[in-house]
Amino acid sequence: MLLIECPHCGPRAEIEFRCGGEAHIARPADPSALDDNAWAEFLFYRSSPKGVHAERWNHAHGCQRWFNALRDTMSDRILATYPAGAARPNITTIEAAR
């Protein structure tokens, strides 16, 4: 079982969490000005990189707060977690600390 470090509660079992998709997606300033294609692009199209990816997570069976995680999509290893609204950590700093 994977342990995920909630930035608010500490390490917990993965079954307590729900993934909410890609992190750091800016909402359109004026959604009503978007045509159907642009709105679909915002809602449905996300990057799916091979390697480190920033995702939103919810501690659904704990504090119920949202936070962000840097996850390596090749190994499924979570490299760092940080509160929602915080800046994305520098991956080279994280790897150097390991």
N, C-alpha and C. Protein backbone atom coordinates (compact mmCIF):
# COMPACT_ATOMS: atom_id res chain seq x y z
N MET A 1 0.85 -1.18 0.00
CA MET A 1 0.00 0.00 0.00
C MET A 1 0.90 1.24 0.00
N LEU A 2 0.48 2.22 -0.75
CA LEU A 2 1.19 3.49 -0.87
C LEU A 2 0.84 4.40 0.30
N LEU A 3 1.84 5.03 0.90
CA LEU A 3 1.60 6.04 1.93
C LEU A 3 1.71 7.40 1.29
N ILE A 4 0.72 8.23 1.55
CA ILE A 4 0.72 9.60 1.02
C ILE A 4 0.81 10.55 2.19
N GLU A 5 1.72 11.51 2.10
CA GLU A 5 1.93 12.49 3.17
C GLU A 5 0.98 13.66 2.98
N CYS A 6 -0.08 13.69 3.77
CA CYS A 6 -0.98 14.85 3.76
C CYS A 6 -0.23 15.99 4.43
N PRO A 7 -0.13 17.17 3.81
CA PRO A 7 0.60 18.27 4.44
C PRO A 7 -0.08 18.77 5.72
N HIS A 8 -1.32 18.34 5.96
CA HIS A 8 -2.06 18.80 7.13
C HIS A 8 -2.14 17.73 8.22
N CYS A 9 -2.13 16.45 7.84
CA CYS A 9 -2.34 15.35 8.80
C CYS A 9 -1.16 14.40 8.94
N GLY A 10 -0.20 14.45 8.02
CA GLY A 10 0.90 13.51 8.04
C GLY A 10 0.64 12.32 7.13
N PRO A 11 1.49 11.29 7.21
CA PRO A 11 1.36 10.13 6.32
C PRO A 11 0.11 9.30 6.63
N ARG A 12 -0.59 8.93 5.56
CA ARG A 12 -1.80 8.13 5.67
C ARG A 12 -1.84 7.14 4.49
N ALA A 13 -2.66 6.12 4.63
CA ALA A 13 -2.82 5.11 3.57
C ALA A 13 -3.49 5.72 2.34
N GLU A 14 -3.10 5.25 1.18
CA GLU A 14 -3.61 5.80 -0.08
C GLU A 14 -5.13 5.70 -0.21
N ILE A 15 -5.76 4.75 0.46
CA ILE A 15 -7.21 4.59 0.33
C ILE A 15 -7.98 5.76 0.95
N GLU A 16 -7.31 6.62 1.72
CA GLU A 16 -7.96 7.79 2.31
C GLU A 16 -8.06 8.96 1.33
N PHE A 17 -7.41 8.85 0.17
CA PHE A 17 -7.28 9.99 -0.74
C PHE A 17 -7.98 9.77 -2.06
N ARG A 18 -8.28 10.87 -2.72
CA ARG A 18 -8.84 10.87 -4.08
C ARG A 18 -8.03 11.84 -4.92
N CYS A 19 -7.66 11.38 -6.11
CA CYS A 19 -6.91 12.25 -7.03
C CYS A 19 -7.88 13.17 -7.76
N GLY A 20 -7.50 14.43 -7.87
CA GLY A 20 -8.37 15.42 -8.52
C GLY A 20 -7.83 15.94 -9.83
N GLY A 21 -6.85 15.27 -10.41
CA GLY A 21 -6.34 15.68 -11.71
C GLY A 21 -5.13 16.59 -11.62
N GLU A 22 -4.80 17.15 -12.74
CA GLU A 22 -3.61 17.99 -12.86
C GLU A 22 -3.71 19.26 -12.01
N ALA A 23 -2.62 19.62 -11.37
CA ALA A 23 -2.57 20.82 -10.53
C ALA A 23 -2.12 22.03 -11.33
N HIS A 24 -2.33 23.19 -10.77
CA HIS A 24 -1.86 24.47 -11.31
C HIS A 24 -2.49 24.82 -12.66
N ILE A 25 -3.76 24.48 -12.83
CA ILE A 25 -4.51 24.84 -14.03
C ILE A 25 -5.25 26.15 -13.74
N ALA A 26 -4.96 27.18 -14.49
CA ALA A 26 -5.61 28.48 -14.28
C ALA A 26 -6.99 28.49 -14.94
N ARG A 27 -7.98 28.93 -14.18
CA ARG A 27 -9.33 29.06 -14.75
C ARG A 27 -9.36 30.23 -15.73
N PRO A 28 -10.18 30.15 -16.76
CA PRO A 28 -10.30 31.27 -17.70
C PRO A 28 -10.84 32.51 -16.98
N ALA A 29 -10.30 33.67 -17.31
CA ALA A 29 -10.74 34.92 -16.68
C ALA A 29 -12.20 35.21 -17.00
N ASP A 30 -12.61 34.93 -18.22
CA ASP A 30 -14.00 35.18 -18.64
C ASP A 30 -14.53 33.93 -19.35
N PRO A 31 -15.04 32.95 -18.59
CA PRO A 31 -15.50 31.70 -19.20
C PRO A 31 -16.59 31.89 -20.25
N SER A 32 -17.44 32.89 -20.07
CA SER A 32 -18.53 33.10 -21.03
C SER A 32 -18.02 33.57 -22.39
N ALA A 33 -16.79 34.04 -22.46
CA ALA A 33 -16.22 34.50 -23.72
C ALA A 33 -15.61 33.35 -24.54
N LEU A 34 -15.51 32.17 -23.94
CA LEU A 34 -14.90 31.04 -24.64
C LEU A 34 -15.90 30.37 -25.58
N ASP A 35 -15.41 29.95 -26.73
CA ASP A 35 -16.27 29.15 -27.61
C ASP A 35 -16.25 27.70 -27.10
N ASP A 36 -17.04 26.85 -27.72
CA ASP A 36 -17.17 25.47 -27.26
C ASP A 36 -15.84 24.72 -27.27
N ASN A 37 -15.05 24.94 -28.31
CA ASN A 37 -13.76 24.25 -28.40
C ASN A 37 -12.80 24.68 -27.30
N ALA A 38 -12.73 25.97 -27.03
CA ALA A 38 -11.85 26.48 -25.98
C ALA A 38 -12.31 26.00 -24.61
N TRP A 39 -13.63 25.97 -24.39
CA TRP A 39 -14.17 25.49 -23.11
C TRP A 39 -13.87 24.00 -22.93
N ALA A 40 -14.03 23.21 -23.98
CA ALA A 40 -13.70 21.78 -23.92
C ALA A 40 -12.21 21.58 -23.65
N GLU A 41 -11.39 22.41 -24.27
CA GLU A 41 -9.93 22.35 -24.05
C GLU A 41 -9.62 22.57 -22.56
N PHE A 42 -10.25 23.56 -21.95
CA PHE A 42 -10.03 23.84 -20.53
C PHE A 42 -10.53 22.69 -19.65
N LEU A 43 -11.71 22.18 -19.94
CA LEU A 43 -12.32 21.15 -19.08
C LEU A 43 -11.69 19.78 -19.20
N PHE A 44 -11.35 19.36 -20.41
CA PHE A 44 -11.03 17.96 -20.63
C PHE A 44 -9.59 17.64 -21.01
N TYR A 45 -8.86 18.56 -21.58
CA TYR A 45 -7.53 18.25 -22.07
C TYR A 45 -6.47 18.60 -21.05
N ARG A 46 -5.69 17.60 -20.65
CA ARG A 46 -4.63 17.78 -19.67
C ARG A 46 -3.37 17.10 -20.20
N SER A 47 -2.25 17.57 -19.71
CA SER A 47 -1.00 16.91 -20.09
C SER A 47 -0.92 15.60 -19.32
N SER A 48 -0.25 14.65 -19.88
CA SER A 48 -0.06 13.36 -19.22
C SER A 48 1.39 12.97 -19.44
N PRO A 49 2.30 13.67 -18.77
CA PRO A 49 3.72 13.47 -19.06
C PRO A 49 4.26 12.16 -18.50
N LYS A 50 5.32 11.72 -19.10
CA LYS A 50 6.07 10.59 -18.58
C LYS A 50 7.11 11.19 -17.65
N GLY A 51 6.99 10.92 -16.37
CA GLY A 51 7.91 11.51 -15.39
C GLY A 51 7.15 12.27 -14.32
N VAL A 52 7.75 13.32 -13.80
CA VAL A 52 7.17 14.05 -12.68
C VAL A 52 6.00 14.92 -13.14
N HIS A 53 4.91 14.83 -12.39
CA HIS A 53 3.65 15.47 -12.74
C HIS A 53 3.02 16.05 -11.48
N ALA A 54 2.55 17.30 -11.52
CA ALA A 54 1.88 17.93 -10.37
C ALA A 54 0.38 17.60 -10.43
N GLU A 55 -0.15 17.06 -9.33
CA GLU A 55 -1.55 16.66 -9.27
C GLU A 55 -2.22 17.25 -8.03
N ARG A 56 -3.54 17.39 -8.12
CA ARG A 56 -4.35 17.80 -6.97
C ARG A 56 -4.85 16.54 -6.28
N TRP A 57 -4.82 16.54 -4.95
CA TRP A 57 -5.32 15.41 -4.18
C TRP A 57 -6.22 15.92 -3.07
N ASN A 58 -7.20 15.10 -2.70
CA ASN A 58 -8.10 15.43 -1.60
C ASN A 58 -7.99 14.34 -0.55
N HIS A 59 -7.84 14.75 0.71
CA HIS A 59 -7.79 13.78 1.82
C HIS A 59 -9.24 13.51 2.23
N ALA A 60 -9.93 12.73 1.41
CA ALA A 60 -11.37 12.51 1.52
C ALA A 60 -11.79 11.86 2.83
N HIS A 61 -11.00 10.94 3.35
CA HIS A 61 -11.36 10.24 4.59
C HIS A 61 -10.51 10.71 5.75
N GLY A 62 -10.13 11.97 5.73
CA GLY A 62 -9.33 12.58 6.78
C GLY A 62 -9.77 14.01 6.99
N CYS A 63 -8.87 14.94 6.76
CA CYS A 63 -9.17 16.36 6.98
C CYS A 63 -10.04 16.96 5.88
N GLN A 64 -10.20 16.25 4.77
CA GLN A 64 -11.01 16.67 3.62
C GLN A 64 -10.47 17.92 2.93
N ARG A 65 -9.21 18.20 3.13
CA ARG A 65 -8.60 19.37 2.49
C ARG A 65 -7.89 18.96 1.21
N TRP A 66 -7.79 19.91 0.28
CA TRP A 66 -7.09 19.71 -0.98
C TRP A 66 -5.64 20.09 -0.80
N PHE A 67 -4.76 19.37 -1.51
CA PHE A 67 -3.34 19.70 -1.53
C PHE A 67 -2.78 19.23 -2.87
N ASN A 68 -1.55 19.57 -3.14
CA ASN A 68 -0.89 19.18 -4.39
C ASN A 68 0.21 18.17 -4.10
N ALA A 69 0.48 17.33 -5.07
CA ALA A 69 1.55 16.34 -4.95
C ALA A 69 2.33 16.27 -6.25
N LEU A 70 3.64 16.08 -6.13
CA LEU A 70 4.47 15.80 -7.29
C LEU A 70 4.65 14.29 -7.35
N ARG A 71 4.13 13.68 -8.41
CA ARG A 71 4.17 12.22 -8.55
C ARG A 71 4.89 11.85 -9.83
N ASP A 72 5.76 10.86 -9.72
CA ASP A 72 6.46 10.32 -10.89
C ASP A 72 5.54 9.29 -11.53
N THR A 73 5.09 9.56 -12.73
CA THR A 73 4.12 8.68 -13.39
C THR A 73 4.75 7.36 -13.84
N MET A 74 6.06 7.29 -13.90
CA MET A 74 6.71 6.04 -14.30
C MET A 74 6.81 5.06 -13.13
N SER A 75 7.07 5.57 -11.93
CA SER A 75 7.24 4.69 -10.78
C SER A 75 6.06 4.75 -9.81
N ASP A 76 5.16 5.71 -9.99
CA ASP A 76 4.02 5.97 -9.11
C ASP A 76 4.47 6.47 -7.73
N ARG A 77 5.71 6.90 -7.63
CA ARG A 77 6.26 7.41 -6.37
C ARG A 77 5.89 8.87 -6.20
N ILE A 78 5.41 9.22 -5.02
CA ILE A 78 5.10 10.61 -4.71
C ILE A 78 6.35 11.25 -4.11
N LEU A 79 6.86 12.27 -4.80
CA LEU A 79 8.12 12.90 -4.41
C LEU A 79 7.93 13.98 -3.36
N ALA A 80 6.81 14.69 -3.42
CA ALA A 80 6.55 15.77 -2.46
C ALA A 80 5.06 16.08 -2.44
N THR A 81 4.60 16.56 -1.30
CA THR A 81 3.25 17.10 -1.19
C THR A 81 3.36 18.49 -0.61
N TYR A 82 2.40 19.36 -0.97
CA TYR A 82 2.43 20.74 -0.50
C TYR A 82 1.02 21.31 -0.53
N PRO A 83 0.72 22.28 0.33
CA PRO A 83 -0.64 22.81 0.42
C PRO A 83 -1.11 23.43 -0.89
N ALA A 84 -2.41 23.35 -1.14
CA ALA A 84 -3.00 24.01 -2.30
C ALA A 84 -2.74 25.50 -2.20
N GLY A 85 -2.41 26.11 -3.30
CA GLY A 85 -2.11 27.54 -3.32
C GLY A 85 -0.63 27.85 -3.15
N ALA A 86 0.15 26.88 -2.67
CA ALA A 86 1.59 27.07 -2.52
C ALA A 86 2.27 26.87 -3.87
N ALA A 87 3.45 27.44 -4.00
CA ALA A 87 4.22 27.28 -5.24
C ALA A 87 4.72 25.84 -5.37
N ARG A 88 4.85 25.40 -6.60
CA ARG A 88 5.36 24.06 -6.86
C ARG A 88 6.82 23.97 -6.41
N PRO A 89 7.18 22.95 -5.62
CA PRO A 89 8.57 22.81 -5.18
C PRO A 89 9.51 22.52 -6.35
N ASN A 90 10.75 22.87 -6.18
CA ASN A 90 11.77 22.62 -7.20
C ASN A 90 12.16 21.16 -7.12
N ILE A 91 11.99 20.42 -8.19
CA ILE A 91 12.24 18.98 -8.20
C ILE A 91 13.70 18.66 -7.98
N THR A 92 14.63 19.48 -8.44
CA THR A 92 16.05 19.20 -8.24
C THR A 92 16.42 19.31 -6.77
N THR A 93 15.79 20.22 -6.04
CA THR A 93 16.04 20.35 -4.61
C THR A 93 15.52 19.12 -3.87
N ILE A 94 14.37 18.62 -4.28
CA ILE A 94 13.78 17.43 -3.65
C ILE A 94 14.66 16.22 -3.89
N GLU A 95 15.10 16.02 -5.12
CA GLU A 95 15.93 14.86 -5.45
C GLU A 95 17.28 14.93 -4.73
N ALA A 96 17.82 16.12 -4.57
CA ALA A 96 19.10 16.26 -3.88
C ALA A 96 18.98 15.92 -2.39
N ALA A 97 17.81 16.17 -1.81
CA ALA A 97 17.60 15.89 -0.39
C ALA A 97 17.42 14.40 -0.12
N ARG A 98 17.11 13.62 -1.13
CA ARG A 98 16.87 12.18 -0.94
C ARG A 98 18.14 11.41 -0.84
